N, C-alpha and C. Protein backbone atom coordinates (compact mmCIF):
# COMPACT_ATOMS: atom_id res chain seq x y z
N MET A 1 57.95 69.33 72.94
CA MET A 1 59.31 69.58 73.32
C MET A 1 59.82 70.86 72.43
N THR A 2 59.55 70.56 71.19
CA THR A 2 60.00 71.60 70.08
C THR A 2 59.41 72.88 70.43
N SER A 3 58.11 72.92 70.68
CA SER A 3 57.48 74.10 70.72
C SER A 3 57.96 74.93 71.91
N SER A 4 58.25 74.19 72.99
CA SER A 4 58.78 74.70 74.21
C SER A 4 60.19 75.44 73.87
N ARG A 5 61.10 74.69 73.20
CA ARG A 5 62.24 75.23 72.75
C ARG A 5 62.15 76.40 71.95
N GLN A 6 61.33 76.50 70.80
CA GLN A 6 61.09 77.63 70.08
C GLN A 6 60.46 78.71 70.85
N ARG A 7 59.64 78.52 71.81
CA ARG A 7 59.15 79.61 72.56
C ARG A 7 60.14 80.26 73.39
N SER A 8 61.01 79.40 73.94
CA SER A 8 62.09 79.97 74.87
C SER A 8 63.04 80.74 74.01
N SER A 9 63.27 80.28 72.71
CA SER A 9 64.21 81.00 71.83
C SER A 9 63.53 82.27 71.40
N TRP A 10 62.27 82.41 71.14
CA TRP A 10 61.59 83.67 70.86
C TRP A 10 61.65 84.58 72.08
N ASP A 11 61.43 83.93 73.23
CA ASP A 11 61.48 84.82 74.38
C ASP A 11 62.87 85.49 74.54
N ARG A 12 63.92 84.74 74.32
CA ARG A 12 65.23 85.16 74.56
C ARG A 12 65.58 86.10 73.53
N ILE A 13 65.06 86.17 72.23
CA ILE A 13 65.28 87.14 71.24
C ILE A 13 64.52 88.49 71.62
N ASP A 14 63.23 88.14 72.08
CA ASP A 14 62.54 89.53 72.41
C ASP A 14 63.08 90.34 73.56
N GLU A 15 63.65 89.28 74.51
CA GLU A 15 64.41 89.90 75.72
C GLU A 15 65.63 90.67 75.33
N GLY A 16 66.31 90.04 74.19
CA GLY A 16 67.53 90.68 73.67
C GLY A 16 67.23 92.05 72.87
N ILE A 17 66.09 92.03 72.31
CA ILE A 17 65.77 93.31 71.64
C ILE A 17 65.26 94.29 72.56
N ARG A 18 64.66 93.85 73.58
CA ARG A 18 64.08 94.97 74.58
C ARG A 18 65.44 95.37 75.38
N HIS A 19 66.39 94.63 75.69
CA HIS A 19 67.75 95.02 76.34
C HIS A 19 68.53 96.01 75.53
N VAL A 20 68.49 95.59 74.02
CA VAL A 20 69.25 96.44 73.35
C VAL A 20 68.51 97.93 73.22
N GLU A 21 67.26 98.05 73.10
CA GLU A 21 66.51 99.04 73.06
C GLU A 21 66.54 100.21 74.24
N ASN A 22 66.59 99.42 75.26
CA ASN A 22 66.82 100.09 76.66
C ASN A 22 68.13 100.61 76.86
N VAL A 23 69.15 99.86 76.52
CA VAL A 23 70.57 100.39 76.67
C VAL A 23 70.82 101.56 75.60
N LEU A 24 70.29 101.28 74.31
CA LEU A 24 70.59 102.31 73.43
C LEU A 24 69.91 103.63 73.94
N ALA A 25 68.68 103.64 74.34
CA ALA A 25 67.96 104.96 74.92
C ALA A 25 68.75 105.44 75.95
N ILE A 26 69.24 104.68 76.92
CA ILE A 26 70.12 105.15 78.08
C ILE A 26 71.39 105.79 77.61
N CYS A 27 71.97 105.01 76.60
CA CYS A 27 73.26 105.68 76.10
C CYS A 27 73.08 106.94 75.38
N LEU A 28 71.91 106.96 74.72
CA LEU A 28 71.73 108.23 73.71
C LEU A 28 71.41 109.46 74.79
N LEU A 29 70.44 109.16 75.69
CA LEU A 29 70.16 110.24 76.77
C LEU A 29 71.42 110.77 77.59
N ALA A 30 72.25 109.73 77.97
CA ALA A 30 73.44 110.22 78.61
C ALA A 30 74.34 110.95 77.54
N ALA A 31 74.62 110.49 76.44
CA ALA A 31 75.48 111.12 75.30
C ALA A 31 74.91 112.65 75.06
N ILE A 32 73.68 112.78 75.15
CA ILE A 32 73.04 113.99 74.77
C ILE A 32 73.40 115.11 76.13
N ILE A 33 73.22 114.54 77.19
CA ILE A 33 73.47 115.32 78.16
C ILE A 33 74.90 115.66 78.37
N VAL A 34 75.98 114.79 78.07
CA VAL A 34 77.35 115.11 78.21
C VAL A 34 77.49 116.20 77.05
N ASP A 35 77.00 115.92 75.91
CA ASP A 35 77.10 116.81 74.73
C ASP A 35 76.70 118.14 75.10
N VAL A 36 75.53 118.29 75.69
CA VAL A 36 75.17 119.64 75.99
C VAL A 36 75.92 120.33 76.98
N LEU A 37 76.12 119.63 78.07
CA LEU A 37 77.13 120.18 79.16
C LEU A 37 78.46 120.46 78.61
N LEU A 38 78.96 119.76 77.77
CA LEU A 38 80.35 120.17 77.07
C LEU A 38 80.08 121.56 76.39
N GLN A 39 79.03 121.56 75.63
CA GLN A 39 78.66 122.85 74.86
C GLN A 39 78.65 124.03 75.76
N VAL A 40 77.94 123.83 76.96
CA VAL A 40 77.64 124.91 77.91
C VAL A 40 79.04 125.25 78.44
N LEU A 41 79.88 124.34 78.75
CA LEU A 41 81.30 124.56 79.43
C LEU A 41 82.15 125.14 78.41
N PHE A 42 82.12 124.77 77.21
CA PHE A 42 83.07 125.50 76.18
C PHE A 42 82.55 126.72 75.73
N ARG A 43 81.14 127.00 75.63
CA ARG A 43 80.77 128.33 75.33
C ARG A 43 80.84 129.37 76.50
N TYR A 44 80.35 129.06 77.63
CA TYR A 44 80.39 130.29 78.69
C TYR A 44 81.61 130.07 79.61
N VAL A 45 82.31 128.89 79.80
CA VAL A 45 83.39 128.96 80.55
C VAL A 45 84.49 129.30 79.99
N LEU A 46 84.76 128.47 78.92
CA LEU A 46 86.13 128.71 77.99
C LEU A 46 85.95 129.63 76.87
N SER A 47 84.68 130.30 76.70
CA SER A 47 84.56 131.09 75.56
C SER A 47 84.83 130.76 74.10
N ASP A 48 84.80 129.46 73.86
CA ASP A 48 85.35 128.80 72.64
C ASP A 48 84.23 127.89 72.30
N PRO A 49 83.01 128.30 71.79
CA PRO A 49 82.04 127.33 71.38
C PRO A 49 82.32 126.27 70.61
N LEU A 50 81.90 124.97 70.82
CA LEU A 50 82.00 123.88 69.97
C LEU A 50 81.20 123.92 68.78
N SER A 51 81.60 123.85 67.43
CA SER A 51 80.88 124.00 66.30
C SER A 51 79.99 122.86 65.97
N TRP A 52 80.24 121.55 66.50
CA TRP A 52 79.50 120.63 66.19
C TRP A 52 78.48 119.89 67.26
N SER A 53 78.69 120.57 68.40
CA SER A 53 77.96 120.08 69.63
C SER A 53 76.55 120.17 69.38
N SER A 54 75.82 121.11 68.90
CA SER A 54 74.42 121.42 68.66
C SER A 54 73.95 120.35 67.61
N GLU A 55 74.61 120.26 66.54
CA GLU A 55 74.24 119.28 65.47
C GLU A 55 74.24 117.85 65.88
N VAL A 56 75.12 117.52 66.65
CA VAL A 56 75.39 115.87 67.12
C VAL A 56 74.28 115.72 68.15
N ALA A 57 73.85 116.80 68.93
CA ALA A 57 72.77 116.64 69.91
C ALA A 57 71.59 116.43 69.32
N THR A 58 71.35 117.13 68.08
CA THR A 58 70.00 117.01 67.34
C THR A 58 69.90 115.61 66.82
N TYR A 59 70.96 115.22 66.26
CA TYR A 59 71.09 113.81 65.49
C TYR A 59 70.88 112.67 66.76
N MET A 60 71.46 112.84 67.75
CA MET A 60 71.15 111.82 68.81
C MET A 60 69.82 111.80 69.23
N PHE A 61 69.17 113.21 69.44
CA PHE A 61 67.82 113.36 69.88
C PHE A 61 66.94 112.67 68.81
N ALA A 62 67.14 112.68 67.56
CA ALA A 62 66.33 112.20 66.54
C ALA A 62 66.20 110.59 66.76
N TRP A 63 67.42 110.01 67.04
CA TRP A 63 67.59 108.48 67.26
C TRP A 63 66.77 108.16 68.57
N LEU A 64 67.11 108.89 69.55
CA LEU A 64 66.39 108.70 70.94
C LEU A 64 64.82 108.76 70.69
N THR A 65 64.18 109.88 69.88
CA THR A 65 62.97 109.80 69.72
C THR A 65 62.34 108.54 69.11
N LEU A 66 62.99 108.16 67.95
CA LEU A 66 62.46 106.89 67.08
C LEU A 66 62.67 105.53 68.12
N ILE A 67 63.67 105.52 68.80
CA ILE A 67 63.80 104.37 69.61
C ILE A 67 62.81 104.34 70.77
N GLY A 68 62.45 105.73 71.16
CA GLY A 68 61.35 105.85 72.17
C GLY A 68 60.06 105.55 71.79
N ILE A 69 59.87 105.83 70.60
CA ILE A 69 58.51 105.45 69.82
C ILE A 69 58.39 103.95 69.96
N ALA A 70 59.27 103.20 69.60
CA ALA A 70 59.34 101.79 69.59
C ALA A 70 59.21 101.24 70.98
N ILE A 71 59.79 101.77 72.01
CA ILE A 71 59.63 101.49 73.36
C ILE A 71 58.23 101.56 73.91
N ALA A 72 57.70 102.79 73.65
CA ALA A 72 56.40 103.05 74.10
C ALA A 72 55.36 102.10 73.21
N GLN A 73 55.72 101.67 72.08
CA GLN A 73 54.83 100.65 71.49
C GLN A 73 55.01 99.40 72.24
N ARG A 74 56.24 98.98 72.54
CA ARG A 74 56.48 97.73 73.23
C ARG A 74 55.79 97.76 74.59
N ASP A 75 55.73 98.78 75.35
CA ASP A 75 55.08 98.96 76.63
C ASP A 75 53.77 99.45 76.69
N ARG A 76 53.04 99.58 75.47
CA ARG A 76 51.77 100.07 75.39
C ARG A 76 51.46 101.31 76.07
N ALA A 77 52.44 102.20 75.84
CA ALA A 77 52.51 103.55 76.43
C ALA A 77 52.07 104.73 75.63
N HIS A 78 51.67 104.34 74.33
CA HIS A 78 51.23 105.53 73.43
C HIS A 78 49.71 106.05 74.06
N ILE A 79 49.39 107.37 73.73
CA ILE A 79 48.14 107.68 74.08
C ILE A 79 46.97 106.85 73.44
N GLU A 80 46.01 106.63 74.32
CA GLU A 80 44.86 105.75 73.83
C GLU A 80 43.63 106.69 74.11
N VAL A 81 42.71 106.84 73.22
CA VAL A 81 41.40 107.59 73.34
C VAL A 81 40.34 106.38 73.17
N ARG A 82 39.66 106.14 74.20
CA ARG A 82 38.59 105.14 74.32
C ARG A 82 37.32 105.72 74.51
N LEU A 83 36.89 106.47 73.34
CA LEU A 83 35.56 107.13 73.50
C LEU A 83 34.27 106.10 73.50
N PHE A 84 34.31 105.24 72.57
CA PHE A 84 33.36 104.32 72.31
C PHE A 84 33.52 102.79 72.92
N ALA A 85 34.70 102.60 73.39
CA ALA A 85 35.10 101.13 73.83
C ALA A 85 34.12 100.68 74.92
N HIS A 86 33.50 101.52 75.67
CA HIS A 86 32.54 101.22 76.77
C HIS A 86 31.22 100.95 76.41
N LEU A 87 30.90 101.36 75.18
CA LEU A 87 29.49 100.95 74.78
C LEU A 87 29.14 99.54 74.74
N SER A 88 29.93 98.67 74.09
CA SER A 88 29.75 97.47 73.94
C SER A 88 31.03 96.61 73.66
N GLU A 89 30.88 95.37 73.92
CA GLU A 89 32.09 94.51 73.81
C GLU A 89 32.41 94.46 72.46
N ALA A 90 31.53 94.44 71.42
CA ALA A 90 31.98 94.50 69.95
C ALA A 90 32.48 95.76 69.67
N ILE A 91 32.07 96.82 70.13
CA ILE A 91 32.84 98.10 69.75
C ILE A 91 34.12 98.05 70.17
N GLY A 92 34.29 97.59 71.69
CA GLY A 92 35.58 97.51 72.16
C GLY A 92 36.63 96.78 71.32
N ILE A 93 36.09 95.58 70.93
CA ILE A 93 36.93 94.78 70.10
C ILE A 93 37.35 95.49 68.73
N ALA A 94 36.21 96.00 68.18
CA ALA A 94 36.63 96.85 66.84
C ALA A 94 37.58 97.93 67.03
N THR A 95 37.53 98.67 68.10
CA THR A 95 38.33 99.85 68.41
C THR A 95 39.81 99.22 68.74
N ALA A 96 39.91 98.02 69.22
CA ALA A 96 41.29 97.29 69.60
C ALA A 96 41.99 96.97 68.07
N TRP A 97 40.98 96.48 67.38
CA TRP A 97 41.58 96.15 65.99
C TRP A 97 41.93 97.39 65.15
N VAL A 98 41.15 98.37 65.20
CA VAL A 98 41.49 99.61 64.48
C VAL A 98 42.78 100.27 64.98
N SER A 99 42.89 100.00 66.37
CA SER A 99 44.10 100.73 66.93
C SER A 99 45.32 99.94 66.45
N TRP A 100 45.21 98.45 66.34
CA TRP A 100 46.43 97.78 66.03
C TRP A 100 46.59 97.88 64.55
N ILE A 101 45.47 97.94 63.63
CA ILE A 101 45.85 98.04 62.28
C ILE A 101 46.48 99.55 61.96
N THR A 102 45.88 100.51 62.72
CA THR A 102 46.64 101.80 62.53
C THR A 102 47.97 101.97 62.89
N SER A 103 48.42 101.15 64.02
CA SER A 103 49.78 101.11 64.47
C SER A 103 50.65 100.44 63.38
N PHE A 104 50.04 99.30 62.90
CA PHE A 104 50.76 98.51 61.87
C PHE A 104 51.02 99.33 60.70
N LEU A 105 50.17 99.94 60.15
CA LEU A 105 50.22 100.58 58.96
C LEU A 105 51.14 101.87 59.12
N PHE A 106 51.08 102.70 60.21
CA PHE A 106 51.98 103.72 60.57
C PHE A 106 53.50 103.16 60.46
N PHE A 107 53.72 102.14 61.13
CA PHE A 107 55.02 101.65 61.38
C PHE A 107 55.66 101.06 60.01
N ALA A 108 54.66 100.43 59.26
CA ALA A 108 55.24 99.88 58.01
C ALA A 108 55.48 101.13 56.90
N VAL A 109 54.59 102.06 56.92
CA VAL A 109 54.82 103.06 55.91
C VAL A 109 56.10 103.78 56.43
N LEU A 110 56.23 104.00 57.62
CA LEU A 110 57.53 104.86 58.01
C LEU A 110 58.75 103.99 57.98
N ALA A 111 58.66 102.73 58.02
CA ALA A 111 59.79 101.97 57.60
C ALA A 111 60.17 101.96 56.31
N VAL A 112 59.29 101.78 55.34
CA VAL A 112 59.54 101.90 53.86
C VAL A 112 60.07 103.15 53.47
N ALA A 113 59.35 104.33 53.91
CA ALA A 113 59.64 105.64 53.53
C ALA A 113 60.98 106.02 54.17
N GLY A 114 61.04 105.74 55.45
CA GLY A 114 62.31 106.01 56.14
C GLY A 114 63.61 105.33 55.43
N TYR A 115 63.47 104.03 54.90
CA TYR A 115 64.47 103.43 54.11
C TYR A 115 64.76 104.23 52.94
N LEU A 116 63.77 104.53 52.28
CA LEU A 116 64.03 105.21 50.93
C LEU A 116 64.71 106.63 51.35
N PHE A 117 64.29 107.17 52.16
CA PHE A 117 64.70 108.65 52.53
C PHE A 117 66.21 108.49 53.00
N ALA A 118 66.63 107.55 53.97
CA ALA A 118 67.87 107.34 54.33
C ALA A 118 68.83 106.78 53.10
N SER A 119 68.36 105.95 52.39
CA SER A 119 69.22 105.48 51.24
C SER A 119 69.54 106.57 50.21
N GLY A 120 68.78 107.62 50.31
CA GLY A 120 69.06 108.76 49.15
C GLY A 120 70.31 109.60 49.64
N GLU A 121 70.61 109.41 50.97
CA GLU A 121 71.62 110.42 51.45
C GLU A 121 73.08 109.69 51.75
N MET A 122 73.37 108.81 50.87
CA MET A 122 74.64 108.19 51.01
C MET A 122 75.95 109.01 51.21
N ILE A 123 75.96 110.14 50.31
CA ILE A 123 77.16 110.75 50.49
C ILE A 123 77.25 112.19 51.02
N GLN A 124 76.09 112.73 51.45
CA GLN A 124 75.95 114.03 52.25
C GLN A 124 76.38 113.87 53.54
N THR A 125 76.85 114.81 54.02
CA THR A 125 77.46 114.80 55.52
C THR A 125 76.80 116.17 56.32
N GLY A 126 76.72 116.05 57.63
CA GLY A 126 76.32 117.27 58.39
C GLY A 126 77.35 118.29 58.13
N PRO A 127 76.93 119.52 58.33
CA PRO A 127 77.89 120.58 57.89
C PRO A 127 79.06 120.82 58.89
N ALA A 128 78.52 120.58 60.25
CA ALA A 128 79.71 120.95 61.34
C ALA A 128 80.22 119.47 61.66
N SER A 129 79.53 118.49 61.77
CA SER A 129 79.99 117.27 62.48
C SER A 129 80.86 116.36 61.27
N GLY A 130 80.43 116.52 60.11
CA GLY A 130 80.83 115.60 59.04
C GLY A 130 80.30 114.24 59.09
N ILE A 131 79.27 113.94 60.05
CA ILE A 131 78.64 112.67 60.25
C ILE A 131 77.58 112.46 58.71
N TYR A 132 77.86 111.16 58.28
CA TYR A 132 77.02 110.94 57.05
C TYR A 132 75.55 110.96 57.53
N LEU A 133 74.77 111.77 56.65
CA LEU A 133 73.34 111.86 57.09
C LEU A 133 72.71 110.58 56.96
N TRP A 134 72.99 109.54 56.18
CA TRP A 134 72.40 108.35 56.07
C TRP A 134 72.42 107.68 57.56
N VAL A 135 73.37 107.90 58.27
CA VAL A 135 73.50 107.41 59.66
C VAL A 135 72.34 108.06 60.62
N VAL A 136 72.35 109.24 60.24
CA VAL A 136 71.19 110.04 60.98
C VAL A 136 69.76 109.53 60.66
N TYR A 137 69.57 109.55 59.26
CA TYR A 137 68.17 109.22 58.88
C TYR A 137 67.91 107.70 59.07
N ALA A 138 68.90 106.91 59.28
CA ALA A 138 68.57 105.48 59.46
C ALA A 138 67.78 105.30 60.73
N CYS A 139 67.58 106.30 61.66
CA CYS A 139 66.62 106.11 62.81
C CYS A 139 65.19 105.94 62.46
N LEU A 140 65.04 106.39 61.14
CA LEU A 140 63.51 106.34 60.68
C LEU A 140 63.16 104.81 60.48
N PRO A 141 63.95 104.13 59.68
CA PRO A 141 63.60 102.82 59.41
C PRO A 141 63.95 101.88 60.65
N THR A 142 64.95 102.20 61.34
CA THR A 142 65.10 101.49 62.45
C THR A 142 64.23 101.47 63.68
N GLY A 143 63.81 102.62 63.97
CA GLY A 143 62.59 102.79 64.96
C GLY A 143 61.32 102.15 64.57
N ALA A 144 61.10 102.44 63.12
CA ALA A 144 59.90 102.00 62.61
C ALA A 144 59.93 100.40 62.42
N ALA A 145 60.96 99.79 62.09
CA ALA A 145 61.01 98.43 62.38
C ALA A 145 61.01 97.89 63.69
N LEU A 146 61.54 98.39 64.59
CA LEU A 146 61.24 98.14 66.06
C LEU A 146 59.81 98.23 66.40
N GLY A 147 59.31 99.42 66.31
CA GLY A 147 57.69 99.44 66.49
C GLY A 147 56.82 98.36 65.72
N LEU A 148 57.07 98.11 64.53
CA LEU A 148 56.64 97.12 63.86
C LEU A 148 56.60 95.71 64.50
N TYR A 149 57.86 95.33 64.67
CA TYR A 149 58.10 94.17 65.52
C TYR A 149 57.21 94.11 66.77
N HIS A 150 57.22 95.25 67.53
CA HIS A 150 56.49 95.21 69.00
C HIS A 150 54.93 94.99 68.62
N THR A 151 54.42 95.65 67.44
CA THR A 151 53.08 95.64 67.01
C THR A 151 52.58 94.18 66.53
N LEU A 152 53.60 93.60 65.84
CA LEU A 152 53.33 92.13 65.51
C LEU A 152 53.38 91.17 66.65
N ARG A 153 54.25 91.51 67.70
CA ARG A 153 54.20 90.69 68.84
C ARG A 153 52.82 90.85 69.66
N ASP A 154 52.15 91.79 69.53
CA ASP A 154 50.77 91.92 70.04
C ASP A 154 49.83 91.31 69.31
N LEU A 155 49.87 90.87 68.12
CA LEU A 155 48.87 90.07 67.37
C LEU A 155 48.31 88.92 67.98
N PRO A 156 49.18 88.09 68.41
CA PRO A 156 48.49 86.68 69.02
C PRO A 156 47.69 87.10 70.21
N GLN A 157 47.83 88.00 71.02
CA GLN A 157 47.22 88.45 72.19
C GLN A 157 45.96 89.03 71.54
N LEU A 158 45.95 89.93 70.56
CA LEU A 158 44.82 90.49 69.93
C LEU A 158 43.87 89.63 69.51
N ILE A 159 44.37 88.44 68.86
CA ILE A 159 43.38 87.54 68.31
C ILE A 159 42.75 86.78 69.41
N ARG A 160 43.42 86.48 70.51
CA ARG A 160 42.95 85.62 71.40
C ARG A 160 42.10 86.27 72.55
N ALA A 161 42.60 87.53 72.77
CA ALA A 161 41.67 88.53 73.65
C ALA A 161 41.80 89.92 73.36
N PRO A 162 41.27 90.33 72.53
CA PRO A 162 41.30 91.80 72.12
C PRO A 162 41.14 92.75 73.10
N LEU A 163 40.06 92.62 74.05
CA LEU A 163 39.83 93.37 75.17
C LEU A 163 40.94 93.50 76.19
N SER A 164 41.66 92.43 76.49
CA SER A 164 42.76 92.39 77.36
C SER A 164 43.85 93.27 76.94
N LEU A 165 44.26 93.37 75.64
CA LEU A 165 45.24 94.07 75.10
C LEU A 165 45.13 95.63 75.56
N ALA A 166 43.94 96.17 75.29
CA ALA A 166 43.73 97.52 75.61
C ALA A 166 43.84 97.87 77.15
N SER A 167 43.47 97.04 78.07
CA SER A 167 43.59 97.18 79.45
C SER A 167 44.77 96.52 80.13
N ALA A 168 45.94 96.07 79.35
CA ALA A 168 46.98 95.30 79.81
C ALA A 168 47.85 96.20 80.63
N HIS A 169 48.00 97.55 80.42
CA HIS A 169 48.92 98.53 81.01
C HIS A 169 48.11 99.66 81.43
N HIS A 170 46.95 99.64 81.74
CA HIS A 170 46.11 100.78 82.09
C HIS A 170 45.30 100.50 83.38
N SER A 171 46.09 100.69 84.51
CA SER A 171 45.65 100.32 85.82
C SER A 171 44.62 101.46 86.29
N GLU A 172 45.00 102.49 85.74
CA GLU A 172 44.15 103.72 86.19
C GLU A 172 43.39 104.45 84.84
N GLU A 173 42.18 104.65 84.99
CA GLU A 173 41.44 105.38 83.84
C GLU A 173 40.93 106.70 84.53
N VAL A 174 40.82 107.50 83.42
CA VAL A 174 40.14 108.93 83.79
C VAL A 174 38.70 108.79 83.23
N THR A 175 37.71 109.05 84.21
CA THR A 175 36.34 108.99 83.94
C THR A 175 35.92 110.44 83.89
N VAL A 176 35.19 110.68 82.62
CA VAL A 176 34.57 111.96 82.50
C VAL A 176 33.11 111.91 82.70
N ARG A 177 32.68 112.58 83.62
CA ARG A 177 31.10 112.60 84.01
C ARG A 177 30.39 113.95 83.53
């Protein structure tokens, strides 16, 4: 009974994280579109360009990119090169583990380095927008932490059935002859 309750709690937490990621990505994309449309309107229709618009769009795009990396990790949508996986089951398992370890190390290093980078910019602001740069640079550890979370969520499946993880979201394969 307790494990069932814990499992449902973890599932609710996981679903909450997925929902926040999706909503954040949609809101950032919508805000970028509105920002760029306003810039075009002010520059070409009103002949009075906004000084901060391009800078803010760039900052939002950085956040969208890092959240998108985490979402792609969650959905197993990153590029996958399977040159040797077809040779034998052992090689397939080895490449699945190499892929997982590489992802884990990438997100771990990015999280730590991103935190150190963001924490070093506490008082500097963007030249036109006045936004604190630590807010902008916080996309690095945030996106990396989310990617690390999704990588760790794949670990139990990788341990149980490593070959199923690679083929979970790949219904179509390109065959080179």
